[in-house]
Amino acid sequence: MKYFFAIFSVLLFLNSCGQDVTVKPKAMLHLQYPEPVYKSVDFGCPFSFEINNLAKVNKKQNCWVNLEYSNMKATLHITYREVNNNLDSLLFDAQKLTYDHTIKASTIFEQPRVDSINDVFGMLYMINGNAATSTQFYATDSLKHFVTGSLYFRSKPNFDSILPAISYLREDVRHIMESIKWK
């Protein structure tokens, strides 16, 4: 019995070594999104801008707007406030909302927006890391209008996994800031 087990083990070992092992490359998720097509949207509010045709508009009260990107499970929450000698307070709140994410963020990049022809001044914040939001912005004419926006995904923040969607939607936010018009 002892010899039978030894011979069986040797035969099994020699039989299992017949094929070469092929190392498979590390798999990477490759997400692609269509080229954006923008259209002008008027919400009946004191501002308008162009949105990507992938976004579904959900208008709330007080000229607040949600742009929902269902294929990416993301929503851009846009809020509007009138400026009534409270611009400092509105700017402080917008900046505080962004920098409250420094606990989870690895970096926060600021990109100013200055369009003196259309009176649009603001800041685009790109938040890298596993923060709750990856992109925020504000835009104002400094006299009457103040708009803020925050991008949220309906999933646990994992920056590396959703980076393609974040990059795509950051361009949409940038386009919104570039196309905003006051009434």
Protein backbone atom coordinates (compact mmCIF):
# COMPACT_ATOMS: atom_id res chain seq x y z
CA MET A 1 0.00 0.00 0.00
CA LYS A 2 2.88 2.30 0.80
CA TYR A 3 4.42 1.78 -2.63
CA PHE A 4 1.08 2.24 -4.36
CA PHE A 5 0.59 5.65 -2.73
CA ALA A 6 4.16 6.74 -3.63
CA ILE A 7 3.80 5.65 -7.29
CA PHE A 8 0.37 7.31 -7.53
CA SER A 9 1.78 10.58 -6.13
CA VAL A 10 4.71 10.57 -8.58
CA LEU A 11 2.44 9.89 -11.56
CA LEU A 12 0.03 12.61 -10.49
CA PHE A 13 2.90 15.08 -10.08
CA LEU A 14 4.42 14.28 -13.50
CA ASN A 15 1.03 14.43 -15.22
CA SER A 16 0.17 17.87 -13.78
CA CYS A 17 3.35 19.52 -15.09
CA GLY A 18 2.48 19.09 -18.78
CA GLN A 19 1.48 22.67 -19.70
CA ASP A 20 3.34 25.94 -19.39
CA VAL A 21 1.87 28.52 -17.06
CA THR A 22 0.68 31.69 -18.82
CA VAL A 23 0.72 34.85 -16.75
CA LYS A 24 -2.30 37.00 -17.53
CA PRO A 25 -1.89 40.78 -17.69
CA LYS A 26 -3.40 42.87 -14.93
CA ALA A 27 -6.95 43.83 -15.92
CA MET A 28 -7.91 47.49 -16.02
CA LEU A 29 -11.41 48.84 -16.34
CA HIS A 30 -11.68 50.83 -19.55
CA LEU A 31 -14.72 53.10 -19.55
CA GLN A 32 -15.48 55.17 -22.61
CA TYR A 33 -18.15 57.83 -22.93
CA PRO A 34 -19.49 59.45 -26.09
CA GLU A 35 -18.27 62.85 -27.23
CA PRO A 36 -20.41 65.43 -25.46
CA VAL A 37 -23.10 67.25 -27.42
CA TYR A 38 -24.18 70.43 -25.66
CA LYS A 39 -27.50 72.21 -25.89
CA SER A 40 -28.64 75.49 -24.38
CA VAL A 41 -31.21 75.14 -21.62
CA ASP A 42 -33.42 77.87 -20.19
CA PHE A 43 -34.91 77.02 -16.80
CA GLY A 44 -37.00 80.19 -16.46
CA CYS A 45 -34.42 81.38 -13.94
CA PRO A 46 -32.10 84.41 -13.88
CA PHE A 47 -29.38 82.32 -15.54
CA SER A 48 -28.95 79.80 -18.35
CA PHE A 49 -26.17 77.54 -19.56
CA GLU A 50 -25.44 74.65 -21.91
CA ILE A 51 -25.67 71.04 -20.76
CA ASN A 52 -24.54 67.70 -22.11
CA ASN A 53 -27.32 65.76 -23.82
CA LEU A 54 -26.55 62.81 -21.49
CA ALA A 55 -27.79 64.85 -18.53
CA LYS A 56 -31.41 64.68 -17.44
CA VAL A 57 -32.65 67.99 -15.98
CA ASN A 58 -34.58 67.90 -12.73
CA LYS A 59 -35.60 71.45 -11.76
CA LYS A 60 -36.31 72.06 -8.09
CA GLN A 61 -37.83 75.09 -6.43
CA ASN A 62 -35.94 78.40 -6.08
CA CYS A 63 -34.11 77.77 -9.39
CA TRP A 64 -32.15 74.86 -7.99
CA VAL A 65 -31.35 72.26 -10.64
CA ASN A 66 -30.11 68.68 -10.54
CA LEU A 67 -28.39 67.31 -13.63
CA GLU A 68 -28.60 63.53 -13.45
CA TYR A 69 -26.21 61.29 -15.37
CA SER A 70 -27.91 57.93 -14.94
CA ASN A 71 -25.33 55.90 -16.89
CA MET A 72 -22.61 57.10 -14.48
CA LYS A 73 -24.80 57.13 -11.35
CA ALA A 74 -23.89 60.78 -10.78
CA THR A 75 -25.77 63.99 -10.04
CA LEU A 76 -24.59 67.57 -10.35
CA HIS A 77 -26.50 69.63 -7.76
CA ILE A 78 -26.72 73.28 -8.82
CA THR A 79 -28.03 75.94 -6.45
CA TYR A 80 -28.88 79.56 -7.09
CA ARG A 81 -28.85 82.45 -4.63
CA GLU A 82 -29.48 86.13 -5.08
CA VAL A 83 -26.73 88.47 -3.98
CA ASN A 84 -28.06 91.02 -1.47
CA ASN A 85 -24.98 92.59 0.12
CA ASN A 86 -23.99 89.06 1.20
CA LEU A 87 -21.39 88.13 -1.42
CA ASP A 88 -18.70 87.61 1.25
CA SER A 89 -20.93 85.17 3.09
CA LEU A 90 -21.83 83.27 -0.09
CA LEU A 91 -18.17 83.00 -1.12
CA PHE A 92 -17.18 81.86 2.36
CA ASP A 93 -19.87 79.15 2.36
CA ALA A 94 -18.87 77.89 -1.11
CA GLN A 95 -15.21 77.72 -0.18
CA LYS A 96 -15.93 76.13 3.22
CA LEU A 97 -18.08 73.46 1.58
CA THR A 98 -15.15 72.55 -0.65
CA TYR A 99 -12.46 72.57 2.01
CA ASP A 100 -14.56 70.52 4.44
CA HIS A 101 -13.50 67.59 2.22
CA THR A 102 -9.80 67.93 3.08
CA ILE A 103 -10.18 65.08 5.58
CA LYS A 104 -10.57 62.54 2.75
CA ALA A 105 -9.09 64.51 -0.17
CA SER A 106 -5.50 63.97 -1.23
CA THR A 107 -5.35 67.24 -3.21
CA ILE A 108 -7.67 70.09 -4.15
CA PHE A 109 -6.91 71.99 -7.34
CA GLU A 110 -8.43 75.41 -7.95
CA GLN A 111 -9.08 76.77 -11.42
CA PRO A 112 -10.34 80.37 -11.47
CA ARG A 113 -12.87 81.54 -14.04
CA VAL A 114 -12.77 85.18 -15.14
CA ASP A 115 -15.05 86.23 -18.00
CA SER A 116 -15.34 90.01 -17.81
CA ILE A 117 -17.27 90.19 -21.10
CA ASN A 118 -20.19 88.12 -19.73
CA ASP A 119 -19.61 89.10 -16.07
CA VAL A 120 -18.95 85.55 -14.92
CA PHE A 121 -16.40 85.11 -12.14
CA GLY A 122 -15.88 81.93 -10.21
CA MET A 123 -13.80 78.97 -9.20
CA LEU A 124 -13.71 75.32 -10.23
CA TYR A 125 -12.50 72.95 -7.52
CA MET A 126 -11.18 69.52 -8.52
CA ILE A 127 -11.01 67.34 -5.43
CA ASN A 128 -8.83 64.25 -5.77
CA GLY A 129 -9.09 61.38 -3.32
CA ASN A 130 -11.91 59.46 -1.72
CA ALA A 131 -13.94 62.53 -0.76
CA ALA A 132 -17.73 62.58 -1.00
CA THR A 133 -17.60 65.00 -3.93
CA SER A 134 -14.97 65.19 -6.64
CA THR A 135 -15.89 68.49 -8.29
CA GLN A 136 -17.40 71.73 -7.03
CA PHE A 137 -17.74 75.21 -8.45
CA TYR A 138 -19.22 78.61 -7.94
CA ALA A 139 -19.97 81.40 -10.40
CA THR A 140 -21.19 84.93 -9.80
CA ASP A 141 -21.56 88.32 -11.43
CA SER A 142 -20.62 89.87 -8.04
CA LEU A 143 -23.78 92.02 -8.02
CA LYS A 144 -26.99 89.97 -8.33
CA HIS A 145 -26.38 86.29 -9.01
CA PHE A 146 -24.54 83.42 -7.31
CA VAL A 147 -24.55 79.80 -8.52
CA THR A 148 -22.83 76.83 -6.89
CA GLY A 149 -22.55 73.22 -7.98
CA SER A 150 -21.41 69.94 -6.45
CA LEU A 151 -20.94 66.61 -8.19
CA TYR A 152 -21.88 63.47 -6.27
CA PHE A 153 -21.85 59.79 -7.25
CA ARG A 154 -24.35 57.29 -5.89
CA SER A 155 -21.64 54.93 -4.71
CA LYS A 156 -18.97 54.72 -2.05
CA PRO A 157 -16.17 57.13 -3.02
CA ASN A 158 -13.33 55.20 -4.65
CA PHE A 159 -11.43 57.78 -6.66
CA ASP A 160 -9.38 55.34 -8.74
CA SER A 161 -12.43 53.34 -9.86
CA ILE A 162 -14.56 56.28 -10.97
CA LEU A 163 -11.76 58.47 -12.35
CA PRO A 164 -12.90 58.12 -16.01
CA ALA A 165 -16.40 59.33 -15.08
CA ILE A 166 -14.97 62.12 -12.91
CA SER A 167 -12.75 63.35 -15.76
CA TYR A 168 -15.67 63.30 -18.21
CA LEU A 169 -18.01 65.16 -15.86
CA ARG A 170 -15.38 67.73 -14.89
CA GLU A 171 -15.34 68.79 -18.53
CA ASP A 172 -19.14 69.16 -18.37
CA VAL A 173 -18.85 71.35 -15.28
CA ARG A 174 -16.16 73.42 -16.98
CA HIS A 175 -18.46 73.85 -20.00
CA ILE A 176 -21.34 74.94 -17.75
CA MET A 177 -19.11 77.61 -16.22
CA GLU A 178 -17.97 78.76 -19.67
CA SER A 179 -21.50 78.96 -21.08
CA ILE A 180 -23.38 80.51 -18.14
CA LYS A 181 -25.34 83.65 -18.98
CA TRP A 182 -27.11 86.01 -16.58
CA LYS A 183 -30.50 87.58 -17.33
